[in-house]
Amino acid sequence: MAFGIAGTVAGSADAAEPRLMAALGNTVLTMTDIGPKHTQVSVNDKPVFEDKESDMLSFVGAYSLKDRWIALFQADTGAKDCPTRFRILEVGGPQPLVSYPFGSCSDAAQVTIDNDVLTISMPQPGGGGEAAWTYRNGKIGRTK
């Protein structure tokens, strides 16, 4: 079993209940809070990444790109210098792909899709214009 102990009885300590379950096509995405600053993200009951640094990991949205689904997550770090970062999880390919954390530290992300490309834009800190990251072919890169 992924969580808990086989054969637990009613009233005993059970595994953490998922905070979020979402169907992305034929895939089930689950977010479970394991403990303080510890959130596990699973695809079809298989853990794909764990966030052990953020105060809170949130699901922003899911976006369809041809035969794949892209889930966008926001990590609230609690840090004064950079309170928010983002991460992408792609499902639908041979295996789930997880991006590294990215963002300008703003929580005001705007998502656009053009053909098979997802772009996440957000303000730069201190009124420095706009920053953007583009996700295509399993890779995220800063484009602005």
N, C-alpha and C. Protein backbone atom coordinates (compact mmCIF):
# COMPACT_ATOMS: atom_id res chain seq x y z
N MET A 1 0.84 -1.19 0.00
CA MET A 1 0.00 0.00 0.00
C MET A 1 0.88 1.23 0.00
N ALA A 2 0.40 2.27 -0.63
CA ALA A 2 1.15 3.50 -0.68
C ALA A 2 1.17 4.19 0.67
N PHE A 3 0.08 4.10 1.42
CA PHE A 3 -0.02 4.75 2.72
C PHE A 3 -0.62 3.77 3.71
N GLY A 4 -0.35 4.00 4.98
CA GLY A 4 -0.98 3.20 6.01
C GLY A 4 -0.39 1.81 6.09
N ILE A 5 -1.04 1.01 6.89
CA ILE A 5 -0.59 -0.36 7.11
C ILE A 5 -1.73 -1.28 6.68
N ALA A 6 -1.41 -2.31 5.94
CA ALA A 6 -2.44 -3.26 5.51
C ALA A 6 -3.14 -3.82 6.73
N GLY A 7 -4.46 -3.86 6.68
CA GLY A 7 -5.23 -4.47 7.75
C GLY A 7 -5.47 -3.57 8.94
N THR A 8 -5.38 -2.23 8.77
CA THR A 8 -5.68 -1.35 9.90
C THR A 8 -7.14 -1.51 10.29
N VAL A 9 -7.42 -1.33 11.56
CA VAL A 9 -8.79 -1.47 12.06
C VAL A 9 -9.37 -0.09 12.30
N ALA A 10 -10.70 -0.03 12.32
CA ALA A 10 -11.38 1.25 12.56
C ALA A 10 -10.90 1.84 13.88
N GLY A 11 -10.66 3.13 13.87
CA GLY A 11 -10.21 3.82 15.07
C GLY A 11 -8.70 3.91 15.19
N SER A 12 -7.97 3.16 14.40
CA SER A 12 -6.51 3.28 14.47
C SER A 12 -6.06 4.41 13.56
N ALA A 13 -4.80 4.76 13.66
CA ALA A 13 -4.27 5.87 12.85
C ALA A 13 -4.22 5.45 11.38
N ASP A 14 -4.98 6.14 10.57
CA ASP A 14 -4.99 5.86 9.14
C ASP A 14 -4.04 6.80 8.42
N ALA A 15 -3.80 6.51 7.17
CA ALA A 15 -2.96 7.37 6.34
C ALA A 15 -3.63 8.72 6.16
N ALA A 16 -2.83 9.72 5.86
CA ALA A 16 -3.37 11.06 5.64
C ALA A 16 -4.35 11.03 4.47
N GLU A 17 -5.44 11.74 4.63
CA GLU A 17 -6.43 11.85 3.55
C GLU A 17 -5.96 12.88 2.54
N PRO A 18 -6.18 12.62 1.26
CA PRO A 18 -5.79 13.61 0.25
C PRO A 18 -6.51 14.94 0.45
N ARG A 19 -5.79 16.02 0.25
CA ARG A 19 -6.37 17.36 0.29
C ARG A 19 -7.03 17.68 -1.04
N LEU A 20 -6.52 17.07 -2.11
CA LEU A 20 -7.05 17.31 -3.45
C LEU A 20 -6.97 16.04 -4.27
N MET A 21 -8.02 15.75 -5.00
CA MET A 21 -8.01 14.69 -6.01
C MET A 21 -8.61 15.30 -7.26
N ALA A 22 -7.92 15.14 -8.39
CA ALA A 22 -8.40 15.71 -9.65
C ALA A 22 -8.16 14.72 -10.77
N ALA A 23 -9.16 14.58 -11.64
CA ALA A 23 -9.02 13.72 -12.81
C ALA A 23 -8.52 14.57 -13.97
N LEU A 24 -7.37 14.18 -14.51
CA LEU A 24 -6.79 14.84 -15.68
C LEU A 24 -6.80 13.81 -16.80
N GLY A 25 -7.86 13.82 -17.60
CA GLY A 25 -8.01 12.77 -18.60
C GLY A 25 -8.19 11.44 -17.89
N ASN A 26 -7.37 10.45 -18.21
CA ASN A 26 -7.43 9.13 -17.59
C ASN A 26 -6.53 9.01 -16.37
N THR A 27 -6.00 10.12 -15.90
CA THR A 27 -5.05 10.14 -14.80
C THR A 27 -5.68 10.79 -13.58
N VAL A 28 -5.38 10.25 -12.40
CA VAL A 28 -5.86 10.85 -11.16
C VAL A 28 -4.67 11.47 -10.43
N LEU A 29 -4.78 12.77 -10.18
CA LEU A 29 -3.77 13.54 -9.47
C LEU A 29 -4.23 13.69 -8.02
N THR A 30 -3.33 13.42 -7.07
CA THR A 30 -3.66 13.51 -5.66
C THR A 30 -2.61 14.33 -4.93
N MET A 31 -3.07 15.26 -4.06
CA MET A 31 -2.17 16.01 -3.17
C MET A 31 -2.51 15.63 -1.75
N THR A 32 -1.50 15.22 -0.99
CA THR A 32 -1.71 14.79 0.39
C THR A 32 -0.72 15.51 1.29
N ASP A 33 -1.24 16.09 2.37
CA ASP A 33 -0.38 16.72 3.37
C ASP A 33 0.09 15.62 4.31
N ILE A 34 1.39 15.31 4.27
CA ILE A 34 1.97 14.26 5.09
C ILE A 34 2.26 14.80 6.49
N GLY A 35 2.69 16.06 6.57
CA GLY A 35 3.00 16.71 7.83
C GLY A 35 3.26 18.18 7.56
N PRO A 36 3.67 18.92 8.59
CA PRO A 36 4.00 20.34 8.37
C PRO A 36 5.11 20.47 7.32
N LYS A 37 4.90 21.36 6.36
CA LYS A 37 5.86 21.58 5.28
C LYS A 37 6.22 20.29 4.55
N HIS A 38 5.24 19.41 4.35
CA HIS A 38 5.49 18.16 3.65
C HIS A 38 4.22 17.75 2.90
N THR A 39 4.20 18.04 1.61
CA THR A 39 3.07 17.69 0.75
C THR A 39 3.56 16.74 -0.33
N GLN A 40 2.81 15.67 -0.53
CA GLN A 40 3.15 14.68 -1.54
C GLN A 40 2.14 14.78 -2.69
N VAL A 41 2.65 14.78 -3.92
CA VAL A 41 1.81 14.78 -5.11
C VAL A 41 1.99 13.43 -5.79
N SER A 42 0.85 12.78 -6.06
CA SER A 42 0.86 11.45 -6.67
C SER A 42 0.06 11.46 -7.96
N VAL A 43 0.46 10.59 -8.88
CA VAL A 43 -0.27 10.36 -10.12
C VAL A 43 -0.65 8.89 -10.13
N ASN A 44 -1.96 8.63 -10.19
CA ASN A 44 -2.47 7.25 -10.14
C ASN A 44 -1.88 6.48 -8.95
N ASP A 45 -1.90 7.12 -7.79
CA ASP A 45 -1.42 6.55 -6.52
C ASP A 45 0.09 6.34 -6.45
N LYS A 46 0.85 6.82 -7.43
CA LYS A 46 2.31 6.70 -7.39
C LYS A 46 2.90 8.08 -7.10
N PRO A 47 3.62 8.25 -5.99
CA PRO A 47 4.22 9.55 -5.69
C PRO A 47 5.16 10.00 -6.80
N VAL A 48 5.03 11.28 -7.23
CA VAL A 48 5.89 11.81 -8.27
C VAL A 48 6.78 12.95 -7.77
N PHE A 49 6.34 13.66 -6.73
CA PHE A 49 7.23 14.60 -6.06
C PHE A 49 6.70 14.97 -4.69
N GLU A 50 7.64 15.40 -3.85
CA GLU A 50 7.31 15.83 -2.50
C GLU A 50 7.88 17.21 -2.28
N ASP A 51 7.05 18.08 -1.72
CA ASP A 51 7.48 19.42 -1.37
C ASP A 51 7.68 19.43 0.15
N LYS A 52 8.94 19.60 0.57
CA LYS A 52 9.26 19.61 2.00
C LYS A 52 9.79 20.96 2.44
N GLU A 53 9.60 21.99 1.60
CA GLU A 53 10.13 23.31 1.94
C GLU A 53 9.06 24.37 2.09
N SER A 54 7.96 24.25 1.37
CA SER A 54 6.94 25.29 1.34
C SER A 54 6.03 25.24 2.56
N ASP A 55 5.54 26.42 2.95
CA ASP A 55 4.52 26.48 4.00
C ASP A 55 3.23 25.84 3.49
N MET A 56 2.93 26.07 2.18
CA MET A 56 1.72 25.52 1.59
C MET A 56 1.92 25.31 0.10
N LEU A 57 1.57 24.13 -0.40
CA LEU A 57 1.59 23.85 -1.83
C LEU A 57 0.14 23.83 -2.28
N SER A 58 -0.16 24.62 -3.32
CA SER A 58 -1.54 24.74 -3.82
C SER A 58 -1.61 24.35 -5.28
N PHE A 59 -2.74 23.79 -5.67
CA PHE A 59 -3.04 23.45 -7.05
C PHE A 59 -3.66 24.69 -7.68
N VAL A 60 -3.03 25.22 -8.73
CA VAL A 60 -3.53 26.42 -9.41
C VAL A 60 -4.54 26.05 -10.48
N GLY A 61 -4.20 25.08 -11.32
CA GLY A 61 -5.11 24.68 -12.39
C GLY A 61 -4.50 23.60 -13.27
N ALA A 62 -5.35 23.07 -14.16
CA ALA A 62 -4.91 22.04 -15.11
C ALA A 62 -5.23 22.53 -16.51
N TYR A 63 -4.33 22.24 -17.44
CA TYR A 63 -4.44 22.74 -18.81
C TYR A 63 -4.15 21.59 -19.77
N SER A 64 -4.97 21.48 -20.80
CA SER A 64 -4.81 20.42 -21.79
C SER A 64 -3.96 20.91 -22.95
N LEU A 65 -2.91 20.15 -23.26
CA LEU A 65 -2.06 20.42 -24.41
C LEU A 65 -2.04 19.17 -25.27
N LYS A 66 -2.82 19.16 -26.33
CA LYS A 66 -2.94 18.00 -27.23
C LYS A 66 -3.24 16.75 -26.42
N ASP A 67 -2.32 15.78 -26.36
CA ASP A 67 -2.58 14.52 -25.67
C ASP A 67 -2.03 14.48 -24.25
N ARG A 68 -1.66 15.64 -23.71
CA ARG A 68 -1.08 15.70 -22.36
C ARG A 68 -1.86 16.68 -21.50
N TRP A 69 -1.70 16.53 -20.19
CA TRP A 69 -2.25 17.48 -19.23
C TRP A 69 -1.11 18.11 -18.46
N ILE A 70 -1.25 19.40 -18.20
CA ILE A 70 -0.28 20.16 -17.42
C ILE A 70 -0.98 20.65 -16.16
N ALA A 71 -0.43 20.32 -15.00
CA ALA A 71 -0.94 20.82 -13.72
C ALA A 71 0.05 21.87 -13.21
N LEU A 72 -0.48 23.01 -12.79
CA LEU A 72 0.35 24.10 -12.26
C LEU A 72 0.15 24.17 -10.76
N PHE A 73 1.26 24.20 -10.02
CA PHE A 73 1.25 24.29 -8.57
C PHE A 73 1.92 25.57 -8.12
N GLN A 74 1.43 26.12 -7.01
CA GLN A 74 2.02 27.31 -6.40
C GLN A 74 2.52 26.92 -5.02
N ALA A 75 3.79 27.20 -4.76
CA ALA A 75 4.40 26.92 -3.47
C ALA A 75 4.59 28.24 -2.73
N ASP A 76 3.90 28.38 -1.60
CA ASP A 76 4.07 29.55 -0.75
C ASP A 76 5.19 29.25 0.22
N THR A 77 6.32 29.92 0.01
CA THR A 77 7.53 29.59 0.76
C THR A 77 7.59 30.22 2.14
N GLY A 78 6.88 31.33 2.33
CA GLY A 78 6.96 32.04 3.60
C GLY A 78 8.18 32.94 3.70
N ALA A 79 9.05 32.90 2.71
CA ALA A 79 10.26 33.74 2.72
C ALA A 79 9.90 35.17 2.32
N LYS A 80 10.48 36.13 3.00
CA LYS A 80 10.19 37.54 2.68
C LYS A 80 10.76 37.94 1.33
N ASP A 81 11.92 37.40 0.97
CA ASP A 81 12.55 37.81 -0.28
C ASP A 81 11.91 37.16 -1.51
N CYS A 82 11.26 36.00 -1.35
CA CYS A 82 10.61 35.32 -2.47
C CYS A 82 9.50 34.42 -1.93
N PRO A 83 8.31 35.00 -1.69
CA PRO A 83 7.25 34.24 -1.02
C PRO A 83 6.55 33.18 -1.87
N THR A 84 6.70 33.24 -3.19
CA THR A 84 5.96 32.31 -4.05
C THR A 84 6.81 31.79 -5.20
N ARG A 85 6.73 30.49 -5.45
CA ARG A 85 7.35 29.85 -6.61
C ARG A 85 6.31 28.92 -7.23
N PHE A 86 6.53 28.54 -8.48
CA PHE A 86 5.61 27.66 -9.19
C PHE A 86 6.33 26.41 -9.65
N ARG A 87 5.55 25.39 -9.97
CA ARG A 87 6.09 24.13 -10.47
C ARG A 87 5.04 23.51 -11.39
N ILE A 88 5.51 22.84 -12.44
CA ILE A 88 4.62 22.19 -13.41
C ILE A 88 4.78 20.69 -13.30
N LEU A 89 3.65 19.99 -13.42
CA LEU A 89 3.63 18.54 -13.51
C LEU A 89 2.91 18.19 -14.82
N GLU A 90 3.58 17.45 -15.69
CA GLU A 90 2.99 17.02 -16.95
C GLU A 90 2.65 15.54 -16.86
N VAL A 91 1.41 15.19 -17.23
CA VAL A 91 1.00 13.79 -17.28
C VAL A 91 0.44 13.48 -18.66
N GLY A 92 0.49 12.22 -19.02
CA GLY A 92 -0.01 11.80 -20.32
C GLY A 92 1.05 11.19 -21.20
N GLY A 93 2.31 11.42 -20.86
CA GLY A 93 3.42 10.82 -21.60
C GLY A 93 3.79 9.49 -20.96
N PRO A 94 4.95 8.94 -21.33
CA PRO A 94 5.39 7.66 -20.77
C PRO A 94 5.52 7.69 -19.25
N GLN A 95 5.92 8.84 -18.71
CA GLN A 95 6.02 9.01 -17.26
C GLN A 95 5.76 10.47 -16.93
N PRO A 96 5.27 10.77 -15.70
CA PRO A 96 5.04 12.16 -15.32
C PRO A 96 6.36 12.94 -15.30
N LEU A 97 6.30 14.20 -15.73
CA LEU A 97 7.46 15.09 -15.70
C LEU A 97 7.18 16.22 -14.73
N VAL A 98 8.17 16.55 -13.90
CA VAL A 98 8.03 17.62 -12.93
C VAL A 98 9.10 18.67 -13.20
N SER A 99 8.68 19.93 -13.29
CA SER A 99 9.65 21.01 -13.53
C SER A 99 10.35 21.40 -12.23
N TYR A 100 11.43 22.12 -12.38
CA TYR A 100 12.06 22.73 -11.22
C TYR A 100 11.21 23.93 -10.81
N PRO A 101 11.33 24.43 -9.57
CA PRO A 101 10.58 25.62 -9.16
C PRO A 101 11.01 26.83 -9.99
N PHE A 102 10.05 27.67 -10.33
CA PHE A 102 10.33 28.85 -11.13
C PHE A 102 9.38 29.98 -10.73
N GLY A 103 9.66 31.16 -11.22
CA GLY A 103 8.79 32.31 -11.01
C GLY A 103 9.56 33.53 -10.57
N SER A 104 8.87 34.68 -10.60
CA SER A 104 9.49 35.96 -10.22
C SER A 104 9.22 36.29 -8.76
N CYS A 105 8.65 35.37 -8.02
CA CYS A 105 8.29 35.52 -6.61
C CYS A 105 6.91 36.16 -6.44
N SER A 106 6.22 36.47 -7.53
CA SER A 106 4.87 37.02 -7.49
C SER A 106 3.86 35.88 -7.52
N ASP A 107 2.72 36.08 -6.86
CA ASP A 107 1.66 35.07 -6.90
C ASP A 107 0.60 35.40 -7.95
N ALA A 108 0.84 36.42 -8.77
CA ALA A 108 -0.13 36.87 -9.77
C ALA A 108 0.19 36.27 -11.14
N ALA A 109 0.13 34.96 -11.25
CA ALA A 109 0.46 34.28 -12.50
C ALA A 109 -0.72 34.29 -13.47
N GLN A 110 -0.40 34.51 -14.74
CA GLN A 110 -1.36 34.44 -15.83
C GLN A 110 -0.91 33.33 -16.77
N VAL A 111 -1.81 32.43 -17.14
CA VAL A 111 -1.48 31.30 -18.01
C VAL A 111 -2.10 31.51 -19.38
N THR A 112 -1.29 31.32 -20.43
CA THR A 112 -1.80 31.34 -21.80
C THR A 112 -1.31 30.09 -22.52
N ILE A 113 -2.12 29.63 -23.46
CA ILE A 113 -1.76 28.46 -24.26
C ILE A 113 -1.85 28.86 -25.72
N ASP A 114 -0.76 28.57 -26.46
CA ASP A 114 -0.72 28.84 -27.89
C ASP A 114 -0.15 27.59 -28.56
N ASN A 115 -0.99 26.93 -29.36
CA ASN A 115 -0.63 25.65 -29.97
C ASN A 115 -0.30 24.66 -28.87
N ASP A 116 0.91 24.15 -28.81
CA ASP A 116 1.32 23.16 -27.82
C ASP A 116 2.28 23.76 -26.80
N VAL A 117 2.14 25.08 -26.56
CA VAL A 117 3.05 25.79 -25.66
C VAL A 117 2.24 26.49 -24.57
N LEU A 118 2.66 26.29 -23.33
CA LEU A 118 2.03 26.94 -22.19
C LEU A 118 2.99 28.01 -21.68
N THR A 119 2.47 29.23 -21.48
CA THR A 119 3.29 30.33 -20.97
C THR A 119 2.68 30.84 -19.67
N ILE A 120 3.52 31.02 -18.67
CA ILE A 120 3.12 31.57 -17.38
C ILE A 120 3.81 32.91 -17.23
N SER A 121 3.01 33.97 -17.13
CA SER A 121 3.54 35.34 -17.00
C SER A 121 3.17 35.88 -15.63
N MET A 122 4.04 36.75 -15.11
CA MET A 122 3.77 37.37 -13.81
C MET A 122 4.61 38.64 -13.68
N PRO A 123 4.18 39.55 -12.81
CA PRO A 123 4.95 40.78 -12.63
C PRO A 123 6.32 40.51 -11.99
N GLN A 124 7.28 41.35 -12.34
CA GLN A 124 8.58 41.34 -11.68
C GLN A 124 8.44 42.08 -10.35
N PRO A 125 9.20 41.73 -9.34
CA PRO A 125 9.13 42.47 -8.08
C PRO A 125 9.59 43.92 -8.27
N GLY A 126 9.01 44.79 -7.47
CA GLY A 126 9.42 46.19 -7.51
C GLY A 126 8.98 46.94 -8.76
N GLY A 127 7.94 46.45 -9.45
CA GLY A 127 7.45 47.14 -10.63
C GLY A 127 8.38 47.07 -11.82
N GLY A 128 9.19 46.02 -11.91
CA GLY A 128 10.17 45.88 -12.98
C GLY A 128 9.64 45.26 -14.26
N GLY A 129 8.35 45.43 -14.55
CA GLY A 129 7.80 44.86 -15.77
C GLY A 129 7.29 43.45 -15.56
N GLU A 130 7.25 42.69 -16.64
CA GLU A 130 6.70 41.34 -16.59
C GLU A 130 7.76 40.29 -16.89
N ALA A 131 7.64 39.15 -16.22
CA ALA A 131 8.50 38.00 -16.47
C ALA A 131 7.63 36.88 -17.04
N ALA A 132 8.22 36.00 -17.85
CA ALA A 132 7.46 34.88 -18.41
C ALA A 132 8.32 33.64 -18.54
N TRP A 133 7.69 32.49 -18.33
CA TRP A 133 8.31 31.18 -18.50
C TRP A 133 7.45 30.40 -19.47
N THR A 134 8.10 29.68 -20.38
CA THR A 134 7.40 28.89 -21.38
C THR A 134 7.69 27.41 -21.16
N TYR A 135 6.62 26.61 -21.20
CA TYR A 135 6.74 25.17 -21.05
C TYR A 135 6.40 24.53 -22.38
N ARG A 136 7.37 23.78 -22.93
CA ARG A 136 7.16 23.08 -24.20
C ARG A 136 8.05 21.85 -24.23
N ASN A 137 7.50 20.77 -24.75
CA ASN A 137 8.25 19.51 -24.90
C ASN A 137 8.93 19.06 -23.61
N GLY A 138 8.23 19.21 -22.48
CA GLY A 138 8.75 18.72 -21.21
C GLY A 138 9.77 19.60 -20.53
N LYS A 139 9.97 20.82 -21.04
CA LYS A 139 10.98 21.71 -20.46
C LYS A 139 10.40 23.09 -20.21
N ILE A 140 10.83 23.69 -19.09
CA ILE A 140 10.43 25.06 -18.75
C ILE A 140 11.65 25.95 -18.94
N GLY A 141 11.44 27.13 -19.52
CA GLY A 141 12.52 28.08 -19.70
C GLY A 141 12.01 29.50 -19.63
N ARG A 142 12.83 30.37 -19.11
CA ARG A 142 12.46 31.77 -19.01
C ARG A 142 12.53 32.39 -20.40
N THR A 143 11.47 33.10 -20.77
CA THR A 143 11.40 33.71 -22.10
C THR A 143 11.30 35.22 -22.04
N LYS A 144 11.12 35.77 -20.86
CA LYS A 144 10.99 37.23 -20.74
C LYS A 144 11.45 37.68 -19.38
